[in-house]
Amino acid sequence: MSLFTLILVSVVQGITEFLPISSSGHLILIPQVTGGADQGQVIDVAVHVGTLLAVIGYFWRDVRGALLGLPRLLHGKADTEGARLALLLIIATIPAVLFGLALKLTGLDDMMRSMALIGWTMLIFGIVLYWADQTGGTSKQAGDWTLRDAIIMGFWQALALIPGTSRSGITITAARRLGYGREDSAKLAMLMSIPVILASGVLLGAEVALTANAQAARDGAIAALLSFLAALAALSLMMRLLKSVSFTPYVIYRVILGLVLLVAAYS
């Protein structure tokens, strides 16, 4: 892989992972637009590691609390804030893991990597995000997260396995419909990304562990660093902007890109 493609893939993944515009959709489009080869699973694992470290670092206080709560949770107790958060994150992750395994075992995950599908999901779920953002309440905060809401958001998150949907976008949509404010919706969506990214990274990592070589390891290290920096910058910027700006700019981007992809796919 050329250095330019490596940088492009890493930065695109880092920027789009936490913005509601679909990182998987953009990564699938890169080789179709540039005419290059698919980046491969080694780079996929690397950029996942980079974005995982970015969200853990940004929300370290919450992550630390959840980690400290795990021992109590393993003893059947969810009587602390951290243990409760760990429990809800695990529950919210289950639907995506089960759906992901089903797609993997049936081979449907490879069949969904088309420009037309990404165009439709970009457009449709962008409009759904706009609707939820404009009509959703603001009565709930992240600290009010309940078991019921975690289950509902978990099922919505499973839809993100369809390329172009956007994991952060669909979970933010669900949170806004449930009455969480914009910043709190984004925070819950980002925290929910940690076990999902970790699970997908472990799955991909297991597949490439025996095939990676020195060159692949070097490319992976560069990709991880670049995606970490890009993800941290994008996440910080989005969380700051949400204090005064709605999700409409992301919706506009999704709609325009979706229409462009549909024209290209059907022309």
Protein backbone atom coordinates (compact mmCIF):
# COMPACT_ATOMS: atom_id res chain seq x y z
CA MET A 1 0.00 0.00 0.00
CA SER A 2 1.32 3.45 -0.92
CA LEU A 3 1.99 5.98 1.82
CA PHE A 4 -0.67 8.29 0.37
CA THR A 5 -3.36 5.59 0.51
CA LEU A 6 -2.29 4.61 4.01
CA ILE A 7 -2.58 8.20 5.22
CA LEU A 8 -5.90 8.68 3.40
CA VAL A 9 -7.48 5.56 4.89
CA SER A 10 -6.22 6.31 8.40
CA VAL A 11 -7.36 9.93 8.45
CA VAL A 12 -10.74 9.17 6.87
CA GLN A 13 -11.37 6.39 9.39
CA GLY A 14 -10.29 8.59 12.29
CA ILE A 15 -12.46 11.53 11.28
CA THR A 16 -15.58 9.57 10.33
CA GLU A 17 -15.62 6.94 13.11
CA PHE A 18 -17.29 9.23 15.65
CA LEU A 19 -19.06 11.69 13.36
CA PRO A 20 -22.57 10.56 12.31
CA ILE A 21 -21.54 10.09 8.67
CA SER A 22 -20.45 6.39 8.55
CA SER A 23 -16.80 5.41 8.66
CA SER A 24 -17.42 2.00 7.06
CA GLY A 25 -19.22 3.60 4.14
CA HIS A 26 -16.32 5.98 3.50
CA LEU A 27 -13.72 3.22 3.75
CA ILE A 28 -15.60 1.07 1.24
CA LEU A 29 -15.81 4.03 -1.14
CA ILE A 30 -12.09 4.90 -1.03
CA PRO A 31 -10.88 2.09 -3.35
CA GLN A 32 -13.89 2.63 -5.63
CA VAL A 33 -13.12 6.34 -5.95
CA THR A 34 -9.33 6.12 -6.14
CA GLY A 35 -9.22 2.92 -8.17
CA GLY A 36 -6.82 1.36 -5.69
CA ALA A 37 -6.96 -1.94 -3.87
CA ASP A 38 -8.90 -2.51 -0.66
CA GLN A 39 -6.81 -1.55 2.37
CA GLY A 40 -6.98 -5.08 3.83
CA GLN A 41 -7.70 -6.39 7.29
CA VAL A 42 -4.35 -5.47 8.86
CA ILE A 43 -5.07 -1.79 8.28
CA ASP A 44 -8.68 -2.29 9.37
CA VAL A 45 -7.45 -3.64 12.71
CA ALA A 46 -4.91 -0.84 13.07
CA VAL A 47 -7.35 2.01 12.47
CA HIS A 48 -9.82 0.37 14.85
CA VAL A 49 -7.13 0.34 17.53
CA GLY A 50 -6.38 4.00 16.89
CA THR A 51 -9.99 5.14 17.16
CA LEU A 52 -10.54 2.92 20.20
CA LEU A 53 -7.64 4.58 22.03
CA ALA A 54 -9.00 8.02 21.05
CA VAL A 55 -12.46 7.50 22.55
CA ILE A 56 -11.03 5.83 25.66
CA GLY A 57 -8.70 8.76 26.18
CA TYR A 58 -11.40 11.38 25.64
CA PHE A 59 -13.88 9.73 28.03
CA TRP A 60 -11.26 8.28 30.36
CA ARG A 61 -13.10 9.26 33.55
CA ASP A 62 -16.18 7.27 32.53
CA VAL A 63 -14.12 4.40 31.13
CA ARG A 64 -12.07 4.20 34.32
CA GLY A 65 -15.26 4.07 36.39
CA ALA A 66 -16.67 1.25 34.26
CA LEU A 67 -13.41 -0.72 34.49
CA LEU A 68 -13.31 -0.33 38.26
CA GLY A 69 -16.93 -1.45 38.40
CA LEU A 70 -16.31 -4.67 36.47
CA PRO A 71 -15.10 -6.70 39.49
CA ARG A 72 -18.29 -5.86 41.39
CA LEU A 73 -20.34 -6.70 38.31
CA LEU A 74 -18.61 -10.08 38.05
CA HIS A 75 -19.75 -10.74 41.61
CA GLY A 76 -23.33 -10.01 40.61
CA LYS A 77 -23.44 -6.48 42.01
CA ALA A 78 -24.25 -3.33 40.05
CA ASP A 79 -24.50 -1.06 43.08
CA THR A 80 -21.97 1.57 41.99
CA GLU A 81 -22.09 4.06 39.15
CA GLY A 82 -19.17 2.37 37.40
CA ALA A 83 -20.59 -1.16 37.73
CA ARG A 84 -23.94 0.04 36.45
CA LEU A 85 -22.33 1.73 33.43
CA ALA A 86 -20.33 -1.42 32.67
CA LEU A 87 -23.50 -3.52 32.82
CA LEU A 88 -25.44 -1.21 30.51
CA LEU A 89 -22.58 -1.05 27.99
CA ILE A 90 -22.38 -4.86 27.88
CA ILE A 91 -26.13 -5.18 27.39
CA ALA A 92 -26.17 -2.50 24.68
CA THR A 93 -23.42 -4.35 22.80
CA ILE A 94 -25.10 -7.78 22.62
CA PRO A 95 -27.48 -7.04 19.67
CA ALA A 96 -24.63 -5.75 17.47
CA VAL A 97 -22.43 -8.76 18.29
CA LEU A 98 -25.20 -11.24 17.46
CA PHE A 99 -26.17 -9.41 14.26
CA GLY A 100 -22.51 -9.15 13.26
CA LEU A 101 -21.96 -12.87 13.73
CA ALA A 102 -25.08 -13.63 11.68
CA LEU A 103 -23.84 -11.44 8.82
CA LYS A 104 -20.38 -13.00 8.99
CA LEU A 105 -21.62 -16.59 9.00
CA THR A 106 -24.07 -16.02 6.14
CA GLY A 107 -21.63 -14.02 4.04
CA LEU A 108 -24.04 -11.10 3.82
CA ASP A 109 -21.40 -8.69 5.13
CA ASP A 110 -19.44 -8.94 1.87
CA MET A 111 -22.61 -8.66 -0.24
CA MET A 112 -23.52 -5.29 1.30
CA ARG A 113 -20.40 -3.40 0.18
CA SER A 114 -22.07 -1.64 -2.76
CA MET A 115 -22.18 2.03 -3.71
CA ALA A 116 -25.96 1.95 -4.21
CA LEU A 117 -26.61 0.55 -0.73
CA ILE A 118 -24.31 3.10 0.88
CA GLY A 119 -26.07 5.86 -1.05
CA TRP A 120 -29.49 4.77 0.21
CA THR A 121 -28.40 4.31 3.82
CA MET A 122 -26.57 7.65 3.82
CA LEU A 123 -29.71 9.37 2.57
CA ILE A 124 -32.37 7.54 4.58
CA PHE A 125 -30.62 7.43 7.95
CA GLY A 126 -29.46 11.02 7.50
CA ILE A 127 -33.09 12.10 7.21
CA VAL A 128 -34.02 9.92 10.20
CA LEU A 129 -31.26 11.60 12.24
CA TYR A 130 -32.61 15.03 11.31
CA TRP A 131 -36.14 14.00 12.33
CA ALA A 132 -34.97 12.60 15.66
CA ASP A 133 -32.76 15.61 16.38
CA GLN A 134 -35.52 18.11 15.64
CA THR A 135 -38.30 16.28 17.49
CA GLY A 136 -36.41 14.61 20.34
CA GLY A 137 -36.64 15.93 23.88
CA THR A 138 -33.82 17.09 26.14
CA SER A 139 -35.11 15.92 29.52
CA LYS A 140 -32.58 13.11 30.02
CA GLN A 141 -28.87 13.21 30.75
CA ALA A 142 -26.24 10.50 30.26
CA GLY A 143 -26.36 9.74 33.97
CA ASP A 144 -30.05 8.86 33.60
CA TRP A 145 -29.27 5.95 31.23
CA THR A 146 -31.56 3.02 32.05
CA LEU A 147 -31.63 -0.68 31.23
CA ARG A 148 -34.60 -0.14 28.91
CA ASP A 149 -32.83 2.64 27.02
CA ALA A 150 -29.62 0.60 26.74
CA ILE A 151 -31.53 -2.30 25.18
CA ILE A 152 -33.33 -0.02 22.71
CA MET A 153 -30.14 1.78 21.73
CA GLY A 154 -28.39 -1.58 21.40
CA PHE A 155 -30.86 -2.76 18.79
CA TRP A 156 -30.56 0.52 16.90
CA GLN A 157 -26.77 0.18 17.03
CA ALA A 158 -27.00 -3.24 15.37
CA LEU A 159 -28.33 -1.51 12.25
CA ALA A 160 -24.95 0.21 11.88
CA LEU A 161 -23.52 -3.04 10.53
CA ILE A 162 -25.24 -2.09 7.28
CA PRO A 163 -22.62 0.04 5.46
CA GLY A 164 -23.46 3.73 5.29
CA THR A 165 -25.75 3.71 8.33
CA SER A 166 -23.16 5.11 10.78
CA ARG A 167 -22.80 3.55 14.21
CA SER A 168 -22.54 6.88 15.99
CA GLY A 169 -25.31 8.37 13.85
CA ILE A 170 -27.84 5.62 14.53
CA THR A 171 -27.14 5.49 18.28
CA ILE A 172 -27.37 9.28 18.51
CA THR A 173 -30.67 9.04 16.62
CA ALA A 174 -31.98 6.52 19.14
CA ALA A 175 -30.81 8.59 22.10
CA ARG A 176 -32.42 11.77 20.78
CA ARG A 177 -35.74 9.94 20.27
CA LEU A 178 -35.49 8.66 23.85
CA GLY A 179 -35.18 12.24 25.11
CA TYR A 180 -31.45 12.71 25.71
CA GLY A 181 -29.89 16.09 24.91
CA ARG A 182 -27.43 16.42 22.03
CA GLU A 183 -24.23 16.29 24.08
CA ASP A 184 -25.51 13.45 26.24
CA SER A 185 -26.70 11.52 23.18
CA ALA A 186 -23.25 11.85 21.63
CA LYS A 187 -21.55 10.84 24.88
CA LEU A 188 -23.64 7.67 25.20
CA ALA A 189 -23.01 6.85 21.54
CA MET A 190 -19.26 7.25 22.01
CA LEU A 191 -19.19 5.12 25.17
CA MET A 192 -21.22 2.44 23.37
CA SER A 193 -18.61 2.41 20.62
CA ILE A 194 -15.87 1.14 22.94
CA PRO A 195 -17.00 -2.49 23.40
CA VAL A 196 -18.20 -2.68 19.77
CA ILE A 197 -14.88 -1.44 18.34
CA LEU A 198 -13.04 -3.72 20.76
CA ALA A 199 -15.11 -6.74 19.70
CA SER A 200 -14.67 -6.07 15.98
CA GLY A 201 -10.96 -5.40 16.46
CA VAL A 202 -10.47 -8.70 18.30
CA LEU A 203 -12.39 -10.56 15.59
CA LEU A 204 -10.38 -9.01 12.78
CA GLY A 205 -7.15 -9.33 14.74
CA ALA A 206 -7.65 -13.05 15.21
CA GLU A 207 -8.00 -13.46 11.44
CA VAL A 208 -4.81 -11.59 10.54
CA ALA A 209 -2.54 -12.52 13.46
CA LEU A 210 -0.95 -15.41 11.58
CA THR A 211 -0.53 -13.58 8.27
CA ALA A 212 0.94 -10.24 9.30
CA ASN A 213 4.59 -9.52 8.41
CA ALA A 214 7.07 -6.78 9.26
CA GLN A 215 5.88 -4.51 6.46
CA ALA A 216 2.25 -4.96 7.47
CA ALA A 217 3.13 -4.31 11.11
CA ARG A 218 4.88 -1.05 10.19
CA ASP A 219 1.94 0.11 8.05
CA GLY A 220 -0.42 -0.87 10.85
CA ALA A 221 1.51 1.18 13.41
CA ILE A 222 1.41 4.26 11.16
CA ALA A 223 -2.30 3.75 10.51
CA ALA A 224 -3.08 3.37 14.20
CA LEU A 225 -1.24 6.58 15.11
CA LEU A 226 -2.83 8.64 12.33
CA SER A 227 -6.34 7.36 13.01
CA PHE A 228 -5.86 8.06 16.73
CA LEU A 229 -4.90 11.68 16.11
CA ALA A 230 -7.65 12.24 13.54
CA ALA A 231 -10.31 10.59 15.72
CA LEU A 232 -9.31 12.56 18.81
CA ALA A 233 -9.46 15.84 16.88
CA ALA A 234 -12.82 15.03 15.26
CA LEU A 235 -14.34 13.85 18.54
CA SER A 236 -13.13 16.92 20.44
CA LEU A 237 -14.45 19.27 17.75
CA MET A 238 -17.86 17.60 17.54
CA MET A 239 -18.40 17.60 21.31
CA ARG A 240 -17.51 21.30 21.48
CA LEU A 241 -19.75 22.22 18.55
CA LEU A 242 -22.74 20.39 20.03
CA LYS A 243 -22.91 23.04 22.74
CA SER A 244 -24.25 25.45 20.11
CA VAL A 245 -24.84 23.55 16.86
CA SER A 246 -27.34 20.80 16.01
CA PHE A 247 -26.64 17.68 13.92
CA THR A 248 -28.02 19.39 10.80
CA PRO A 249 -24.60 20.02 9.16
CA TYR A 250 -23.89 16.28 9.28
CA VAL A 251 -27.36 15.55 7.89
CA ILE A 252 -26.77 17.91 4.96
CA TYR A 253 -23.45 16.19 4.23
CA ARG A 254 -25.09 12.75 4.36
CA VAL A 255 -27.94 13.75 2.07
CA ILE A 256 -25.64 15.33 -0.52
CA LEU A 257 -23.21 12.40 -0.48
CA GLY A 258 -26.09 9.91 -0.61
CA LEU A 259 -27.60 11.58 -3.66
CA VAL A 260 -24.23 11.76 -5.42
CA LEU A 261 -23.62 8.05 -4.77
CA LEU A 262 -27.08 7.09 -6.00
CA VAL A 263 -26.61 9.06 -9.21
CA ALA A 264 -23.21 7.43 -9.74
CA ALA A 265 -24.54 3.94 -8.92
CA TYR A 266 -27.54 4.08 -11.23
CA SER A 267 -26.02 6.03 -14.13
